[in-house]
Amino acid sequence: LKITHEQIASHLGTAREVVTRMLKYFQNEGVVKLT
């Protein structure tokens, strides 16, 4: 998916930092890979 953390935050009505923190958790769990 070509999408930024800021764009996801806009969709979900939250702060970019909250999205980044949760995505890093997903990455640590082996669910996603972030670039």
PDB file of all heavy atoms in Angstrom:
ATOM      1  N   LEU A   1       0.833  -1.196   0.000  1.00  0.00           N
ATOM      2  CA  LEU A   1       0.000   0.000   0.000  1.00  0.00           C
ATOM      3  C   LEU A   1       0.871   1.251   0.000  1.00  0.00           C
ATOM      4  O   LEU A   1       1.704   1.437   0.882  1.00  0.00           O
ATOM      5  CB  LEU A   1      -0.902   0.011   1.234  1.00  0.00           C
ATOM      6  CG  LEU A   1      -1.776  -1.232   1.442  1.00  0.00           C
ATOM      7  CD1 LEU A   1      -2.509  -1.132   2.772  1.00  0.00           C
ATOM      8  CD2 LEU A   1      -2.750  -1.406   0.288  1.00  0.00           C
ATOM      9  N   LYS A   2       0.658   2.106  -0.998  1.00  0.00           N
ATOM     10  CA  LYS A   2       1.372   3.375  -1.045  1.00  0.00           C
ATOM     11  C   LYS A   2       0.534   4.420  -0.322  1.00  0.00           C
ATOM     12  O   LYS A   2      -0.304   5.099  -0.912  1.00  0.00           O
ATOM     13  CB  LYS A   2       1.634   3.778  -2.497  1.00  0.00           C
ATOM     14  CG  LYS A   2       2.611   2.858  -3.210  1.00  0.00           C
ATOM     15  CD  LYS A   2       2.937   3.342  -4.613  1.00  0.00           C
ATOM     16  CE  LYS A   2       3.949   2.437  -5.280  1.00  0.00           C
ATOM     17  NZ  LYS A   2       4.289   2.883  -6.658  1.00  0.00           N
ATOM     18  N   ILE A   3       0.765   4.513   0.970  1.00  0.00           N
ATOM     19  CA  ILE A   3      -0.012   5.425   1.809  1.00  0.00           C
ATOM     20  C   ILE A   3       0.851   5.868   2.982  1.00  0.00           C
ATOM     21  O   ILE A   3       1.630   5.080   3.534  1.00  0.00           O
ATOM     22  CB  ILE A   3      -1.309   4.736   2.302  1.00  0.00           C
ATOM     23  CG1 ILE A   3      -2.232   5.729   2.982  1.00  0.00           C
ATOM     24  CG2 ILE A   3      -1.004   3.543   3.204  1.00  0.00           C
ATOM     25  CD1 ILE A   3      -3.630   5.184   3.248  1.00  0.00           C
ATOM     26  N   THR A   4       0.745   7.119   3.366  1.00  0.00           N
ATOM     27  CA  THR A   4       1.546   7.650   4.458  1.00  0.00           C
ATOM     28  C   THR A   4       0.811   7.503   5.789  1.00  0.00           C
ATOM     29  O   THR A   4      -0.409   7.317   5.826  1.00  0.00           O
ATOM     30  CB  THR A   4       1.870   9.135   4.237  1.00  0.00           C
ATOM     31  OG1 THR A   4       0.647   9.887   4.300  1.00  0.00           O
ATOM     32  CG2 THR A   4       2.520   9.352   2.872  1.00  0.00           C
ATOM     33  N   HIS A   5       1.562   7.613   6.869  1.00  0.00           N
ATOM     34  CA  HIS A   5       0.970   7.558   8.206  1.00  0.00           C
ATOM     35  C   HIS A   5       0.021   8.741   8.403  1.00  0.00           C
ATOM     36  O   HIS A   5      -1.012   8.612   9.070  1.00  0.00           O
ATOM     37  CB  HIS A   5       2.070   7.583   9.273  1.00  0.00           C
ATOM     38  CG  HIS A   5       3.006   6.410   9.187  1.00  0.00           C
ATOM     39  ND1 HIS A   5       3.937   6.138  10.167  1.00  0.00           N
ATOM     40  CD2 HIS A   5       3.153   5.448   8.256  1.00  0.00           C
ATOM     41  CE1 HIS A   5       4.628   5.053   9.821  1.00  0.00           C
ATOM     42  NE2 HIS A   5       4.166   4.632   8.660  1.00  0.00           N
ATOM     43  N   GLU A   6       0.360   9.883   7.804  1.00  0.00           N
ATOM     44  CA  GLU A   6      -0.494  11.070   7.897  1.00  0.00           C
ATOM     45  C   GLU A   6      -1.838  10.830   7.215  1.00  0.00           C
ATOM     46  O   GLU A   6      -2.892  11.234   7.726  1.00  0.00           O
ATOM     47  CB  GLU A   6       0.210  12.265   7.251  1.00  0.00           C
ATOM     48  CG  GLU A   6      -0.523  13.580   7.417  1.00  0.00           C
ATOM     49  CD  GLU A   6      -0.495  14.082   8.852  1.00  0.00           C
ATOM     50  OE1 GLU A   6       0.526  13.925   9.537  1.00  0.00           O
ATOM     51  OE2 GLU A   6      -1.535  14.626   9.274  1.00  0.00           O
ATOM     52  N   GLN A   7      -1.816  10.173   6.067  1.00  0.00           N
ATOM     53  CA  GLN A   7      -3.061   9.874   5.354  1.00  0.00           C
ATOM     54  C   GLN A   7      -3.945   8.924   6.157  1.00  0.00           C
ATOM     55  O   GLN A   7      -5.166   9.097   6.221  1.00  0.00           O
ATOM     56  CB  GLN A   7      -2.745   9.273   3.987  1.00  0.00           C
ATOM     57  CG  GLN A   7      -2.178  10.274   2.994  1.00  0.00           C
ATOM     58  CD  GLN A   7      -1.715   9.615   1.714  1.00  0.00           C
ATOM     59  OE1 GLN A   7      -1.036   8.585   1.744  1.00  0.00           O
ATOM     60  NE2 GLN A   7      -2.074  10.192   0.574  1.00  0.00           N
ATOM     61  N   ILE A   8      -3.322   7.925   6.760  1.00  0.00           N
ATOM     62  CA  ILE A   8      -4.092   6.981   7.587  1.00  0.00           C
ATOM     63  C   ILE A   8      -4.701   7.705   8.776  1.00  0.00           C
ATOM     64  O   ILE A   8      -5.865   7.488   9.134  1.00  0.00           O
ATOM     65  CB  ILE A   8      -3.199   5.819   8.072  1.00  0.00           C
ATOM     66  CG1 ILE A   8      -2.724   4.981   6.876  1.00  0.00           C
ATOM     67  CG2 ILE A   8      -3.951   4.932   9.065  1.00  0.00           C
ATOM     68  CD1 ILE A   8      -1.724   3.903   7.245  1.00  0.00           C
ATOM     69  N   ALA A   9      -3.924   8.587   9.383  1.00  0.00           N
ATOM     70  CA  ALA A   9      -4.429   9.371  10.523  1.00  0.00           C
ATOM     71  C   ALA A   9      -5.650  10.195  10.119  1.00  0.00           C
ATOM     72  O   ALA A   9      -6.621  10.303  10.877  1.00  0.00           O
ATOM     73  CB  ALA A   9      -3.322  10.280  11.056  1.00  0.00           C
ATOM     74  N   SER A  10      -5.623  10.751   8.903  1.00  0.00           N
ATOM     75  CA  SER A  10      -6.757  11.544   8.417  1.00  0.00           C
ATOM     76  C   SER A  10      -7.995  10.674   8.229  1.00  0.00           C
ATOM     77  O   SER A  10      -9.108  11.094   8.519  1.00  0.00           O
ATOM     78  CB  SER A  10      -6.391  12.226   7.092  1.00  0.00           C
ATOM     79  OG  SER A  10      -5.386  13.199   7.291  1.00  0.00           O
ATOM     80  N   HIS A  11      -7.801   9.464   7.735  1.00  0.00           N
ATOM     81  CA  HIS A  11      -8.929   8.551   7.559  1.00  0.00           C
ATOM     82  C   HIS A  11      -9.547   8.163   8.895  1.00  0.00           C
ATOM     83  O   HIS A  11     -10.775   8.058   9.018  1.00  0.00           O
ATOM     84  CB  HIS A  11      -8.479   7.279   6.836  1.00  0.00           C
ATOM     85  CG  HIS A  11      -8.380   7.414   5.350  1.00  0.00           C
ATOM     86  ND1 HIS A  11      -9.492   7.618   4.556  1.00  0.00           N
ATOM     87  CD2 HIS A  11      -7.310   7.371   4.509  1.00  0.00           C
ATOM     88  CE1 HIS A  11      -9.108   7.692   3.291  1.00  0.00           C
ATOM     89  NE2 HIS A  11      -7.796   7.562   3.231  1.00  0.00           N
ATOM     90  N   LEU A  12      -8.704   7.954   9.892  1.00  0.00           N
ATOM     91  CA  LEU A  12      -9.166   7.401  11.163  1.00  0.00           C
ATOM     92  C   LEU A  12      -9.399   8.449  12.246  1.00  0.00           C
ATOM     93  O   LEU A  12      -9.819   8.110  13.354  1.00  0.00           O
ATOM     94  CB  LEU A  12      -8.166   6.348  11.665  1.00  0.00           C
ATOM     95  CG  LEU A  12      -7.979   5.139  10.727  1.00  0.00           C
ATOM     96  CD1 LEU A  12      -6.954   4.171  11.305  1.00  0.00           C
ATOM     97  CD2 LEU A  12      -9.301   4.421  10.497  1.00  0.00           C
ATOM     98  N   GLY A  13      -9.133   9.707  11.938  1.00  0.00           N
ATOM     99  CA  GLY A  13      -9.434  10.771  12.887  1.00  0.00           C
ATOM    100  C   GLY A  13      -8.544  10.786  14.108  1.00  0.00           C
ATOM    101  O   GLY A  13      -9.012  11.034  15.223  1.00  0.00           O
ATOM    102  N   THR A  14      -7.257  10.548  13.907  1.00  0.00           N
ATOM    103  CA  THR A  14      -6.328  10.533  15.034  1.00  0.00           C
ATOM    104  C   THR A  14      -5.034  11.237  14.651  1.00  0.00           C
ATOM    105  O   THR A  14      -4.926  11.799  13.555  1.00  0.00           O
ATOM    106  CB  THR A  14      -6.047   9.077  15.478  1.00  0.00           C
ATOM    107  OG1 THR A  14      -5.321   9.098  16.713  1.00  0.00           O
ATOM    108  CG2 THR A  14      -5.270   8.307  14.421  1.00  0.00           C
ATOM    109  N   ALA A  15      -4.058  11.215  15.532  1.00  0.00           N
ATOM    110  CA  ALA A  15      -2.778  11.864  15.266  1.00  0.00           C
ATOM    111  C   ALA A  15      -1.838  10.910  14.533  1.00  0.00           C
ATOM    112  O   ALA A  15      -1.900   9.692  14.716  1.00  0.00           O
ATOM    113  CB  ALA A  15      -2.141  12.325  16.577  1.00  0.00           C
ATOM    114  N   ARG A  16      -0.960  11.487  13.719  1.00  0.00           N
ATOM    115  CA  ARG A  16       0.001  10.670  12.970  1.00  0.00           C
ATOM    116  C   ARG A  16       0.869   9.835  13.904  1.00  0.00           C
ATOM    117  O   ARG A  16       1.183   8.680  13.615  1.00  0.00           O
ATOM    118  CB  ARG A  16       0.888  11.580  12.108  1.00  0.00           C
ATOM    119  CG  ARG A  16       1.959  10.817  11.314  1.00  0.00           C
ATOM    120  CD  ARG A  16       2.892  11.779  10.609  1.00  0.00           C
ATOM    121  NE  ARG A  16       3.539  12.685  11.537  1.00  0.00           N
ATOM    122  CZ  ARG A  16       4.590  12.356  12.290  1.00  0.00           C
ATOM    123  NH1 ARG A  16       5.103  11.124  12.258  1.00  0.00           N
ATOM    124  NH2 ARG A  16       5.124  13.240  13.098  1.00  0.00           N
ATOM    125  N   GLU A  17       1.227  10.410  15.057  1.00  0.00           N
ATOM    126  CA  GLU A  17       2.096   9.697  15.989  1.00  0.00           C
ATOM    127  C   GLU A  17       1.432   8.419  16.503  1.00  0.00           C
ATOM    128  O   GLU A  17       2.108   7.405  16.741  1.00  0.00           O
ATOM    129  CB  GLU A  17       2.467  10.607  17.161  1.00  0.00           C
ATOM    130  CG  GLU A  17       3.327  11.804  16.801  1.00  0.00           C
ATOM    131  CD  GLU A  17       2.538  12.938  16.162  1.00  0.00           C
ATOM    132  OE1 GLU A  17       1.286  12.879  16.190  1.00  0.00           O
ATOM    133  OE2 GLU A  17       3.170  13.871  15.631  1.00  0.00           O
ATOM    134  N   VAL A  18       0.115   8.468  16.696  1.00  0.00           N
ATOM    135  CA  VAL A  18      -0.623   7.297  17.168  1.00  0.00           C
ATOM    136  C   VAL A  18      -0.574   6.194  16.109  1.00  0.00           C
ATOM    137  O   VAL A  18      -0.364   5.013  16.427  1.00  0.00           O
ATOM    138  CB  VAL A  18      -2.085   7.674  17.485  1.00  0.00           C
ATOM    139  CG1 VAL A  18      -2.893   6.437  17.869  1.00  0.00           C
ATOM    140  CG2 VAL A  18      -2.131   8.703  18.606  1.00  0.00           C
ATOM    141  N   VAL A  19      -0.759   6.579  14.851  1.00  0.00           N
ATOM    142  CA  VAL A  19      -0.695   5.618  13.748  1.00  0.00           C
ATOM    143  C   VAL A  19       0.699   4.998  13.658  1.00  0.00           C
ATOM    144  O   VAL A  19       0.850   3.781  13.540  1.00  0.00           O
ATOM    145  CB  VAL A  19      -1.062   6.289  12.413  1.00  0.00           C
ATOM    146  CG1 VAL A  19      -0.834   5.330  11.243  1.00  0.00           C
ATOM    147  CG2 VAL A  19      -2.508   6.763  12.442  1.00  0.00           C
ATOM    148  N   THR A  20       1.719   5.838  13.709  1.00  0.00           N
ATOM    149  CA  THR A  20       3.104   5.359  13.609  1.00  0.00           C
ATOM    150  C   THR A  20       3.435   4.367  14.714  1.00  0.00           C
ATOM    151  O   THR A  20       4.041   3.317  14.473  1.00  0.00           O
ATOM    152  CB  THR A  20       4.087   6.546  13.667  1.00  0.00           C
ATOM    153  OG1 THR A  20       3.838   7.422  12.553  1.00  0.00           O
ATOM    154  CG2 THR A  20       5.524   6.064  13.608  1.00  0.00           C
ATOM    155  N   ARG A  21       3.021   4.687  15.923  1.00  0.00           N
ATOM    156  CA  ARG A  21       3.298   3.806  17.060  1.00  0.00           C
ATOM    157  C   ARG A  21       2.640   2.439  16.880  1.00  0.00           C
ATOM    158  O   ARG A  21       3.260   1.402  17.117  1.00  0.00           O
ATOM    159  CB  ARG A  21       2.804   4.477  18.347  1.00  0.00           C
ATOM    160  CG  ARG A  21       3.167   3.720  19.623  1.00  0.00           C
ATOM    161  CD  ARG A  21       3.040   4.609  20.842  1.00  0.00           C
ATOM    162  NE  ARG A  21       1.712   5.181  20.986  1.00  0.00           N
ATOM    163  CZ  ARG A  21       1.435   6.470  20.867  1.00  0.00           C
ATOM    164  NH1 ARG A  21       2.384   7.343  20.570  1.00  0.00           N
ATOM    165  NH2 ARG A  21       0.199   6.913  21.043  1.00  0.00           N
ATOM    166  N   MET A  22       1.385   2.429  16.417  1.00  0.00           N
ATOM    167  CA  MET A  22       0.685   1.155  16.248  1.00  0.00           C
ATOM    168  C   MET A  22       1.237   0.365  15.060  1.00  0.00           C
ATOM    169  O   MET A  22       1.333  -0.864  15.115  1.00  0.00           O
ATOM    170  CB  MET A  22      -0.815   1.400  16.074  1.00  0.00           C
ATOM    171  CG  MET A  22      -1.662   0.137  16.169  1.00  0.00           C
ATOM    172  SD  MET A  22      -1.443  -0.773  17.732  1.00  0.00           S
ATOM    173  CE  MET A  22      -2.145   0.416  18.886  1.00  0.00           C
ATOM    174  N   LEU A  23       1.622   1.059  13.997  1.00  0.00           N
ATOM    175  CA  LEU A  23       2.207   0.370  12.845  1.00  0.00           C
ATOM    176  C   LEU A  23       3.541  -0.276  13.222  1.00  0.00           C
ATOM    177  O   LEU A  23       3.868  -1.375  12.748  1.00  0.00           O
ATOM    178  CB  LEU A  23       2.403   1.346  11.687  1.00  0.00           C
ATOM    179  CG  LEU A  23       1.139   1.724  10.903  1.00  0.00           C
ATOM    180  CD1 LEU A  23       1.460   2.830   9.899  1.00  0.00           C
ATOM    181  CD2 LEU A  23       0.554   0.512  10.178  1.00  0.00           C
ATOM    182  N   LYS A  24       4.304   0.391  14.053  1.00  0.00           N
ATOM    183  CA  LYS A  24       5.570  -0.198  14.508  1.00  0.00           C
ATOM    184  C   LYS A  24       5.311  -1.455  15.341  1.00  0.00           C
ATOM    185  O   LYS A  24       6.069  -2.429  15.267  1.00  0.00           O
ATOM    186  CB  LYS A  24       6.372   0.833  15.308  1.00  0.00           C
ATOM    187  CG  LYS A  24       6.990   1.916  14.443  1.00  0.00           C
ATOM    188  CD  LYS A  24       7.799   2.906  15.263  1.00  0.00           C
ATOM    189  CE  LYS A  24       8.454   3.939  14.371  1.00  0.00           C
ATOM    190  NZ  LYS A  24       9.225   4.950  15.152  1.00  0.00           N
ATOM    191  N   TYR A  25       4.238  -1.434  16.122  1.00  0.00           N
ATOM    192  CA  TYR A  25       3.847  -2.624  16.877  1.00  0.00           C
ATOM    193  C   TYR A  25       3.473  -3.747  15.911  1.00  0.00           C
ATOM    194  O   TYR A  25       3.904  -4.897  16.081  1.00  0.00           O
ATOM    195  CB  TYR A  25       2.668  -2.307  17.798  1.00  0.00           C
ATOM    196  CG  TYR A  25       1.998  -3.527  18.374  1.00  0.00           C
ATOM    197  CD1 TYR A  25       2.610  -4.276  19.386  1.00  0.00           C
ATOM    198  CD2 TYR A  25       0.752  -3.953  17.905  1.00  0.00           C
ATOM    199  CE1 TYR A  25       2.008  -5.412  19.897  1.00  0.00           C
ATOM    200  CE2 TYR A  25       0.136  -5.077  18.414  1.00  0.00           C
ATOM    201  CZ  TYR A  25       0.773  -5.810  19.406  1.00  0.00           C
ATOM    202  OH  TYR A  25       0.179  -6.941  19.914  1.00  0.00           O
ATOM    203  N   PHE A  26       2.687  -3.428  14.883  1.00  0.00           N
ATOM    204  CA  PHE A  26       2.322  -4.428  13.872  1.00  0.00           C
ATOM    205  C   PHE A  26       3.579  -4.981  13.196  1.00  0.00           C
ATOM    206  O   PHE A  26       3.665  -6.176  12.904  1.00  0.00           O
ATOM    207  CB  PHE A  26       1.402  -3.809  12.817  1.00  0.00           C
ATOM    208  CG  PHE A  26      -0.022  -3.604  13.271  1.00  0.00           C
ATOM    209  CD1 PHE A  26      -0.953  -3.017  12.426  1.00  0.00           C
ATOM    210  CD2 PHE A  26      -0.446  -3.995  14.535  1.00  0.00           C
ATOM    211  CE1 PHE A  26      -2.274  -2.826  12.821  1.00  0.00           C
ATOM    212  CE2 PHE A  26      -1.761  -3.808  14.949  1.00  0.00           C
ATOM    213  CZ  PHE A  26      -2.667  -3.220  14.095  1.00  0.00           C
ATOM    214  N   GLN A  27       4.551  -4.114  12.948  1.00  0.00           N
ATOM    215  CA  GLN A  27       5.796  -4.549  12.310  1.00  0.00           C
ATOM    216  C   GLN A  27       6.572  -5.492  13.222  1.00  0.00           C
ATOM    217  O   GLN A  27       7.097  -6.521  12.773  1.00  0.00           O
ATOM    218  CB  GLN A  27       6.664  -3.339  11.947  1.00  0.00           C
ATOM    219  CG  GLN A  27       7.960  -3.718  11.229  1.00  0.00           C
ATOM    220  CD  GLN A  27       8.688  -2.501  10.685  1.00  0.00           C
ATOM    221  OE1 GLN A  27       8.792  -2.297   9.491  1.00  0.00           O
ATOM    222  NE2 GLN A  27       9.202  -1.667  11.573  1.00  0.00           N
ATOM    223  N   ASN A  28       6.634  -5.162  14.485  1.00  0.00           N
ATOM    224  CA  ASN A  28       7.327  -6.029  15.444  1.00  0.00           C
ATOM    225  C   ASN A  28       6.663  -7.395  15.554  1.00  0.00           C
ATOM    226  O   ASN A  28       7.330  -8.398  15.862  1.00  0.00           O
ATOM    227  CB  ASN A  28       7.368  -5.362  16.825  1.00  0.00           C
ATOM    228  CG  ASN A  28       8.257  -4.135  16.848  1.00  0.00           C
ATOM    229  OD1 ASN A  28       9.162  -4.002  16.023  1.00  0.00           O
ATOM    230  ND2 ASN A  28       8.003  -3.231  17.785  1.00  0.00           N
ATOM    231  N   GLU A  29       5.348  -7.438  15.300  1.00  0.00           N
ATOM    232  CA  GLU A  29       4.598  -8.690  15.342  1.00  0.00           C
ATOM    233  C   GLU A  29       4.689  -9.455  14.019  1.00  0.00           C
ATOM    234  O   GLU A  29       4.105 -10.527  13.877  1.00  0.00           O
ATOM    235  CB  GLU A  29       3.130  -8.415  15.672  1.00  0.00           C
ATOM    236  CG  GLU A  29       2.879  -7.890  17.073  1.00  0.00           C
ATOM    237  CD  GLU A  29       3.240  -8.911  18.143  1.00  0.00           C
ATOM    238  OE1 GLU A  29       2.730 -10.049  18.060  1.00  0.00           O
ATOM    239  OE2 GLU A  29       4.034  -8.573  19.036  1.00  0.00           O
ATOM    240  N   GLY A  30       5.400  -8.902  13.043  1.00  0.00           N
ATOM    241  CA  GLY A  30       5.572  -9.567  11.764  1.00  0.00           C
ATOM    242  C   GLY A  30       4.374  -9.474  10.831  1.00  0.00           C
ATOM    243  O   GLY A  30       4.265 -10.245   9.872  1.00  0.00           O
ATOM    244  N   VAL A  31       3.475  -8.516  11.109  1.00  0.00           N
ATOM    245  CA  VAL A  31       2.259  -8.382  10.303  1.00  0.00           C
ATOM    246  C   VAL A  31       2.487  -7.484   9.093  1.00  0.00           C
ATOM    247  O   VAL A  31       1.941  -7.731   8.015  1.00  0.00           O
ATOM    248  CB  VAL A  31       1.107  -7.820  11.160  1.00  0.00           C
ATOM    249  CG1 VAL A  31      -0.162  -7.659  10.329  1.00  0.00           C
ATOM    250  CG2 VAL A  31       0.837  -8.726  12.348  1.00  0.00           C
ATOM    251  N   VAL A  32       3.281  -6.429   9.268  1.00  0.00           N
ATOM    252  CA  VAL A  32       3.554  -5.496   8.175  1.00  0.00           C
ATOM    253  C   VAL A  32       5.043  -5.197   8.101  1.00  0.00           C
ATOM    254  O   VAL A  32       5.797  -5.463   9.033  1.00  0.00           O
ATOM    255  CB  VAL A  32       2.776  -4.162   8.361  1.00  0.00           C
ATOM    256  CG1 VAL A  32       1.284  -4.406   8.468  1.00  0.00           C
ATOM    257  CG2 VAL A  32       3.293  -3.390   9.577  1.00  0.00           C
ATOM    258  N   LYS A  33       5.426  -4.615   6.956  1.00  0.00           N
ATOM    259  CA  LYS A  33       6.789  -4.115   6.781  1.00  0.00           C
ATOM    260  C   LYS A  33       6.676  -2.655   6.367  1.00  0.00           C
ATOM    261  O   LYS A  33       5.974  -2.333   5.412  1.00  0.00           O
ATOM    262  CB  LYS A  33       7.540  -4.911   5.711  1.00  0.00           C
ATOM    263  CG  LYS A  33       8.950  -4.403   5.458  1.00  0.00           C
ATOM    264  CD  LYS A  33       9.624  -5.211   4.359  1.00  0.00           C
ATOM    265  CE  LYS A  33      11.027  -4.682   4.072  1.00  0.00           C
ATOM    266  NZ  LYS A  33      11.686  -5.446   2.968  1.00  0.00           N
ATOM    267  N   LEU A  34       7.350  -1.777   7.101  1.00  0.00           N
ATOM    268  CA  LEU A  34       7.230  -0.344   6.863  1.00  0.00           C
ATOM    269  C   LEU A  34       8.437   0.203   6.113  1.00  0.00           C
ATOM    270  O   LEU A  34       9.579  -0.082   6.470  1.00  0.00           O
ATOM    271  CB  LEU A  34       7.093   0.405   8.195  1.00  0.00           C
ATOM    272  CG  LEU A  34       5.958  -0.046   9.127  1.00  0.00           C
ATOM    273  CD1 LEU A  34       6.011   0.739  10.423  1.00  0.00           C
ATOM    274  CD2 LEU A  34       4.611   0.114   8.444  1.00  0.00           C
ATOM    275  N   THR A  35       8.172   0.943   5.060  1.00  0.00           N
ATOM    276  CA  THR A  35       9.189   1.732   4.374  1.00  0.00           C
ATOM    277  C   THR A  35       8.583   3.109   4.132  1.00  0.00           C
ATOM    278  O   THR A  35       7.397   3.323   4.347  1.00  0.00           O
ATOM    279  CB  THR A  35       9.598   1.095   3.027  1.00  0.00           C
ATOM    280  OG1 THR A  35       8.429   0.871   2.233  1.00  0.00           O
ATOM    281  CG2 THR A  35      10.309  -0.237   3.245  1.00  0.00           C
TER     282      THR A  35
END
